[in-house]
Each structure stands twice: as C-alpha cells, then as structure tokens.
Amino acid sequence: MSQDNTPASAEDLAAAIEELTQYRERLVTEMTDTAKKAKVKKSKMMGVLQPELEKIDNALEALKTQHASSAN
C-alpha cells in the first residue's frame, strides 16, 4: 500500500474519528458479550482488552488533535 504525503482533509479526519470510535464501542460490546458467554469475569476481560483500548484512545486523541488544527 502506498501513502502519499498529502494531508488528510478535515472531512477525512472526522470520518476516521467516527469509524475508530464505532470500532472501539463495538470491540468493547463484542468482547463483553463473548466474556459473558465464556463465563469470564469482566475484570479479567478488561485487563486483556485494556492495552488495545489504550492504543485506540491514543490514536483517537491524535486524530482529534490533527482535526482541530486542520479546522483552523
């Protein structure tokens, strides 16, 4: 996959933020449902899931910062 150095538009950034937010919500919901079915404690499931959520949250924060600066 090739990447160009063209900055993303504000609309592209907003769409990426929305998609990543939806992915995060879906991941938590699906993992919670799966943990219930497998009779895994929520605290254990969240311990496993937390590193991934932190990556997503960091990416979201970076996108939001970039979006805010592109809107100016």
C-alpha atoms as a PDB file:
ATOM      1  CA  MET A   1       0.000   0.000   0.000  1.00  0.00           C
ATOM      2  CA  SER A   2       1.485   3.346  -0.958  1.00  0.00           C
ATOM      3  CA  GLN A   3       0.987   6.505   1.024  1.00  0.00           C
ATOM      4  CA  ASP A   4       1.298   9.995  -0.289  1.00  0.00           C
ATOM      5  CA  ASN A   5       2.261  12.991   1.809  1.00  0.00           C
ATOM      6  CA  THR A   6      -0.982  14.844   1.155  1.00  0.00           C
ATOM      7  CA  PRO A   7      -2.509  15.979   4.438  1.00  0.00           C
ATOM      8  CA  ALA A   8      -5.891  14.498   5.231  1.00  0.00           C
ATOM      9  CA  SER A   9      -8.844  16.814   4.867  1.00  0.00           C
ATOM     10  CA  ALA A  10     -10.960  17.783   7.852  1.00  0.00           C
ATOM     11  CA  GLU A  11     -13.745  15.614   6.446  1.00  0.00           C
ATOM     12  CA  ASP A  12     -11.417  12.610   6.142  1.00  0.00           C
ATOM     13  CA  LEU A  13     -10.213  13.097   9.703  1.00  0.00           C
ATOM     14  CA  ALA A  14     -13.782  13.395  11.008  1.00  0.00           C
ATOM     15  CA  ALA A  15     -14.730  10.185   9.199  1.00  0.00           C
ATOM     16  CA  ALA A  16     -11.696   8.367  10.615  1.00  0.00           C
ATOM     17  CA  ILE A  17     -12.537   9.572  14.122  1.00  0.00           C
ATOM     18  CA  GLU A  18     -16.130   8.381  13.754  1.00  0.00           C
ATOM     19  CA  GLU A  19     -15.092   4.981  12.387  1.00  0.00           C
ATOM     20  CA  LEU A  20     -12.481   4.431  15.099  1.00  0.00           C
ATOM     21  CA  THR A  21     -14.946   5.470  17.808  1.00  0.00           C
ATOM     22  CA  GLN A  22     -17.509   2.998  16.462  1.00  0.00           C
ATOM     23  CA  TYR A  23     -14.842   0.278  16.277  1.00  0.00           C
ATOM     24  CA  ARG A  24     -13.885   0.897  19.920  1.00  0.00           C
ATOM     25  CA  GLU A  25     -17.502   0.682  21.061  1.00  0.00           C
ATOM     26  CA  ARG A  26     -18.104  -2.473  19.009  1.00  0.00           C
ATOM     27  CA  LEU A  27     -14.930  -4.081  20.357  1.00  0.00           C
ATOM     28  CA  VAL A  28     -15.958  -3.483  23.970  1.00  0.00           C
ATOM     29  CA  THR A  29     -19.515  -4.698  23.348  1.00  0.00           C
ATOM     30  CA  GLU A  30     -18.473  -7.836  21.484  1.00  0.00           C
ATOM     31  CA  MET A  31     -15.740  -8.698  23.973  1.00  0.00           C
ATOM     32  CA  THR A  32     -18.146  -8.207  26.884  1.00  0.00           C
ATOM     33  CA  ASP A  33     -20.735 -10.447  25.242  1.00  0.00           C
ATOM     34  CA  THR A  34     -18.113 -13.092  24.468  1.00  0.00           C
ATOM     35  CA  ALA A  35     -16.761 -12.955  28.008  1.00  0.00           C
ATOM     36  CA  LYS A  36     -20.271 -13.466  29.406  1.00  0.00           C
ATOM     37  CA  LYS A  37     -20.807 -16.493  27.177  1.00  0.00           C
ATOM     38  CA  ALA A  38     -17.434 -17.926  28.194  1.00  0.00           C
ATOM     39  CA  LYS A  39     -18.134 -17.082  31.843  1.00  0.00           C
ATOM     40  CA  VAL A  40     -15.029 -14.932  32.097  1.00  0.00           C
ATOM     41  CA  LYS A  41     -15.066 -12.168  34.680  1.00  0.00           C
ATOM     42  CA  LYS A  42     -15.428  -8.689  33.225  1.00  0.00           C
ATOM     43  CA  SER A  43     -12.370  -7.506  35.148  1.00  0.00           C
ATOM     44  CA  LYS A  44     -10.219 -10.210  33.542  1.00  0.00           C
ATOM     45  CA  MET A  45     -11.611  -9.419  30.087  1.00  0.00           C
ATOM     46  CA  MET A  46     -10.950  -5.703  30.563  1.00  0.00           C
ATOM     47  CA  GLY A  47      -7.400  -6.475  31.697  1.00  0.00           C
ATOM     48  CA  VAL A  48      -6.805  -8.238  28.399  1.00  0.00           C
ATOM     49  CA  LEU A  49      -8.633  -5.586  26.389  1.00  0.00           C
ATOM     50  CA  GLN A  50      -7.143  -2.516  28.099  1.00  0.00           C
ATOM     51  CA  PRO A  51      -3.879  -2.354  26.087  1.00  0.00           C
ATOM     52  CA  GLU A  52      -5.849  -2.383  22.824  1.00  0.00           C
ATOM     53  CA  LEU A  53      -8.241   0.276  24.126  1.00  0.00           C
ATOM     54  CA  GLU A  54      -5.280   2.454  25.080  1.00  0.00           C
ATOM     55  CA  LYS A  55      -3.897   2.193  21.536  1.00  0.00           C
ATOM     56  CA  ILE A  56      -7.292   3.146  20.114  1.00  0.00           C
ATOM     57  CA  ASP A  57      -7.673   6.030  22.577  1.00  0.00           C
ATOM     58  CA  ASN A  58      -4.189   7.327  21.712  1.00  0.00           C
ATOM     59  CA  ALA A  59      -4.968   7.145  18.004  1.00  0.00           C
ATOM     60  CA  LEU A  60      -8.282   8.921  18.570  1.00  0.00           C
ATOM     61  CA  GLU A  61      -6.579  11.680  20.550  1.00  0.00           C
ATOM     62  CA  ALA A  62      -4.002  12.163  17.795  1.00  0.00           C
ATOM     63  CA  LEU A  63      -6.721  12.302  15.136  1.00  0.00           C
ATOM     64  CA  LYS A  64      -8.774  14.770  17.175  1.00  0.00           C
ATOM     65  CA  THR A  65      -5.731  16.999  17.654  1.00  0.00           C
ATOM     66  CA  GLN A  66      -4.954  16.855  13.943  1.00  0.00           C
ATOM     67  CA  HIS A  67      -8.609  17.552  13.118  1.00  0.00           C
ATOM     68  CA  ALA A  68      -8.695  20.561  15.447  1.00  0.00           C
ATOM     69  CA  SER A  69      -5.574  22.024  13.872  1.00  0.00           C
ATOM     70  CA  SER A  70      -6.849  21.388  10.339  1.00  0.00           C
ATOM     71  CA  ALA A  71     -10.116  23.163  11.116  1.00  0.00           C
ATOM     72  CA  ASN A  72      -8.244  26.401  11.818  1.00  0.00           C
END
